[in-house]
Amino acid sequence: MKYCAFLRGVNVKGTNMKMAEVCQVFKDAGMSEVVSILASGNIVFSSDKKADDLKQILEKAMSKYFSYEAFLFIKSQEEIENFWNGNPFKKNDELHSYTFVGNDGIEKVLMQEFENASKAENEDAKIINGIFYWQVPKGNTLDSTFGKILGKKSLKDQFTSRNINTFEKILKKF
C-alpha cells in the first residue's frame, strides 16, 4: 500500500535534512518506492505494514539517524485525497491556505486556539470532515496570533501543517 509520511519540523529552527538522506533512512527501515515531495518533509512510499506500526518504525529510524526527536504522521492516498478535496477556501493570490495533518481530535484543539486568537482581515478557519483548514493573508503566516501557536511545544507531537498546494503535488506521486 502507498502512504505519505508528513514530517514535523523539517528544515526549520536548525533541523536541517537533505531529502535524499531522509529517503535513504526510509529505505533502510524497509520501505519501498520512496520519493520525497518538496523540501518540507513529505515522503511517499510503499509498505505492507499498518500506518500505526509505520509511524513507530519511521520515527525511531529518523530519530536515530538525525539525532533529534522525530514526529511524523502517516496518511493513505484516500486520506490525502480527502485533505485536497475538502478544502473549503477558494484560490486567492492574496491568501495562503493551510491544512493540518495530525492526531485524531487535533482539529478541535486547533479551532479552539483559532477562536481565541486575534485575527487578520480575511483570516479564517474551518473544520471539514475532521480536517482543520486555515486561510491567512500572505506574509502573515508566522506573525499572526494563530500562527504563533503553531510552534507551541505542548503541541509539537500533535500535528504538522502544509500549504494546500502540497497535497496536489503529493497526489501526483501516487
Protein backbone atom coordinates (compact mmCIF):
# COMPACT_ATOMS: atom_id res chain seq x y z
CA MET A 1 0.00 0.00 0.00
CA LYS A 2 1.18 3.53 -0.73
CA TYR A 3 1.42 6.15 2.00
CA CYS A 4 2.73 9.63 2.56
CA ALA A 5 4.67 10.48 5.71
CA PHE A 6 4.47 14.12 6.81
CA LEU A 7 7.48 15.01 8.94
CA ARG A 8 7.20 17.78 11.50
CA GLY A 9 9.86 20.44 11.95
CA VAL A 10 11.98 19.66 8.91
CA ASN A 11 14.36 22.40 7.72
CA VAL A 12 13.19 24.85 10.38
CA LYS A 13 14.96 26.07 13.53
CA GLY A 14 18.22 24.28 12.88
CA THR A 15 16.82 20.83 11.99
CA ASN A 16 18.29 20.60 8.50
CA MET A 17 17.88 17.43 6.49
CA LYS A 18 18.61 16.54 2.92
CA MET A 19 15.60 14.75 1.45
CA ALA A 20 17.93 12.19 -0.21
CA GLU A 21 19.15 11.19 3.26
CA VAL A 22 15.59 11.03 4.60
CA CYS A 23 14.62 8.76 1.70
CA GLN A 24 17.59 6.52 2.46
CA VAL A 25 16.51 6.23 6.11
CA PHE A 26 13.05 5.16 4.89
CA LYS A 27 14.60 2.57 2.54
CA ASP A 28 16.88 1.26 5.30
CA ALA A 29 13.78 0.91 7.51
CA GLY A 30 12.23 -1.40 4.90
CA MET A 31 10.11 0.98 2.82
CA SER A 32 9.99 0.74 -0.99
CA GLU A 33 9.22 3.16 -3.85
CA VAL A 34 10.45 6.01 -1.65
CA VAL A 35 10.26 9.54 -3.10
CA SER A 36 10.26 13.00 -1.49
CA ILE A 37 8.00 15.89 -2.48
CA LEU A 38 9.36 19.39 -1.81
CA ALA A 39 11.94 20.03 0.93
CA SER A 40 9.41 20.24 3.76
CA GLY A 41 9.36 16.55 4.66
CA ASN A 42 6.72 14.79 2.57
CA ILE A 43 7.79 11.24 1.76
CA VAL A 44 5.68 8.97 -0.46
CA PHE A 45 6.48 5.28 -0.06
CA SER A 46 5.06 1.75 -0.16
CA SER A 47 4.78 -0.77 2.66
CA ASP A 48 2.65 -3.78 3.66
CA LYS A 49 2.54 -2.59 7.29
CA LYS A 50 -0.23 -0.62 9.02
CA ALA A 51 0.09 3.15 9.44
CA ASP A 52 0.39 2.94 13.26
CA ASP A 53 3.28 0.47 13.02
CA LEU A 54 4.96 2.55 10.31
CA LYS A 55 4.77 5.67 12.48
CA GLN A 56 6.71 3.93 15.27
CA ILE A 57 9.27 2.32 12.95
CA LEU A 58 9.95 5.51 11.00
CA GLU A 59 10.03 7.89 13.98
CA LYS A 60 12.57 5.61 15.65
CA ALA A 61 14.70 5.37 12.47
CA MET A 62 14.57 9.14 11.85
CA SER A 63 15.34 9.99 15.49
CA LYS A 64 18.35 7.66 15.49
CA TYR A 65 19.78 8.79 12.14
CA PHE A 66 19.29 12.56 12.59
CA SER A 67 19.75 12.69 16.40
CA TYR A 68 16.52 14.55 17.09
CA GLU A 69 13.06 13.71 18.40
CA ALA A 70 11.20 12.84 15.20
CA PHE A 71 7.44 13.26 14.80
CA LEU A 72 5.66 12.20 11.66
CA PHE A 73 2.13 11.46 10.51
CA ILE A 74 1.26 8.76 8.00
CA LYS A 75 -1.69 9.04 5.65
CA SER A 76 -3.04 6.84 2.87
CA GLN A 77 -3.82 8.00 -0.65
CA GLU A 78 -7.54 8.13 0.20
CA GLU A 79 -6.84 10.31 3.25
CA ILE A 80 -4.66 12.65 1.19
CA GLU A 81 -7.43 12.95 -1.42
CA ASN A 82 -9.78 13.94 1.43
CA PHE A 83 -7.37 16.70 2.52
CA TRP A 84 -7.21 18.06 -1.04
CA ASN A 85 -10.90 17.68 -1.90
CA GLY A 86 -12.18 19.06 1.41
CA ASN A 87 -10.51 22.44 1.07
CA PRO A 88 -13.29 24.98 1.78
CA PHE A 89 -11.36 28.03 0.56
CA LYS A 90 -11.35 29.44 -2.97
CA LYS A 91 -7.96 30.12 -4.55
CA ASN A 92 -6.90 33.68 -3.85
CA ASP A 93 -3.50 35.16 -4.73
CA GLU A 94 -3.59 37.34 -1.60
CA LEU A 95 -4.09 34.43 0.80
CA HIS A 96 -2.34 31.20 1.83
CA SER A 97 -4.42 28.14 2.67
CA TYR A 98 -3.05 25.50 5.03
CA THR A 99 -4.18 22.06 6.01
CA PHE A 100 -3.25 20.37 9.26
CA VAL A 101 -2.21 16.72 9.46
CA GLY A 102 -2.21 15.24 12.92
CA ASN A 103 -3.62 13.09 15.66
CA ASP A 104 -7.34 12.36 15.95
CA GLY A 105 -9.14 15.27 17.60
CA ILE A 106 -6.39 17.84 16.94
CA GLU A 107 -8.78 19.81 14.71
CA LYS A 108 -10.89 20.72 17.79
CA VAL A 109 -7.80 21.90 19.72
CA LEU A 110 -6.71 24.00 16.73
CA MET A 111 -10.18 25.52 16.29
CA GLN A 112 -10.27 26.48 19.98
CA GLU A 113 -6.87 28.15 19.60
CA PHE A 114 -8.03 29.91 16.43
CA GLU A 115 -11.24 31.17 18.06
CA ASN A 116 -9.21 32.61 20.96
CA ALA A 117 -6.68 34.33 18.66
CA SER A 118 -6.96 37.84 17.28
CA LYS A 119 -7.37 37.65 13.52
CA ALA A 120 -6.11 39.49 10.49
CA GLU A 121 -8.62 40.68 7.89
CA ASN A 122 -9.67 37.71 5.72
CA GLU A 123 -8.11 35.19 8.14
CA ASP A 124 -10.44 32.22 8.57
CA ALA A 125 -10.51 28.60 9.70
CA LYS A 126 -12.91 25.71 9.11
CA ILE A 127 -13.17 22.06 10.02
CA ILE A 128 -14.32 19.86 7.12
CA ASN A 129 -14.68 16.09 7.67
CA GLY A 130 -12.45 16.22 10.74
CA ILE A 131 -9.72 18.19 8.96
CA PHE A 132 -8.64 21.69 10.05
CA TYR A 133 -8.11 24.27 7.28
CA TRP A 134 -6.68 27.75 7.84
CA GLN A 135 -6.54 30.71 5.47
CA VAL A 136 -4.33 33.71 6.22
CA PRO A 137 -3.15 36.77 4.25
CA LYS A 138 0.24 36.18 2.58
CA GLY A 139 3.07 37.47 4.73
CA ASN A 140 1.10 36.98 7.98
CA THR A 141 1.51 33.22 8.45
CA LEU A 142 4.10 33.34 11.21
CA ASP A 143 3.19 36.81 12.53
CA SER A 144 -0.49 36.09 13.11
CA THR A 145 -1.65 35.26 16.64
CA PHE A 146 -2.76 31.80 15.49
CA GLY A 147 0.46 31.30 13.52
CA LYS A 148 2.46 31.78 16.73
CA ILE A 149 0.67 28.87 18.47
CA LEU A 150 1.87 26.53 15.74
CA GLY A 151 5.26 26.46 17.43
CA LYS A 152 3.87 25.65 20.91
CA LYS A 153 5.99 22.93 22.49
CA SER A 154 2.90 21.36 24.07
CA LEU A 155 1.51 20.65 20.58
CA LYS A 156 4.72 19.55 18.82
CA ASP A 157 3.81 15.87 18.66
CA GLN A 158 0.17 16.53 17.75
CA PHE A 159 0.23 17.91 14.18
CA THR A 160 2.09 19.42 11.28
CA SER A 161 0.80 21.84 8.65
CA ARG A 162 1.19 22.11 4.89
CA ASN A 163 0.17 24.59 2.25
CA ILE A 164 -2.89 23.13 0.48
CA ASN A 165 -1.00 23.03 -2.84
CA THR A 166 1.41 20.46 -1.37
CA PHE A 167 -1.40 17.87 -1.39
CA GLU A 168 -1.89 18.29 -5.12
CA LYS A 169 1.84 17.65 -5.68
CA ILE A 170 1.75 14.59 -3.39
CA LEU A 171 -1.26 13.07 -5.18
CA LYS A 172 0.63 13.23 -8.49
CA LYS A 173 3.17 10.79 -7.00
CA PHE A 174 0.56 8.16 -6.14
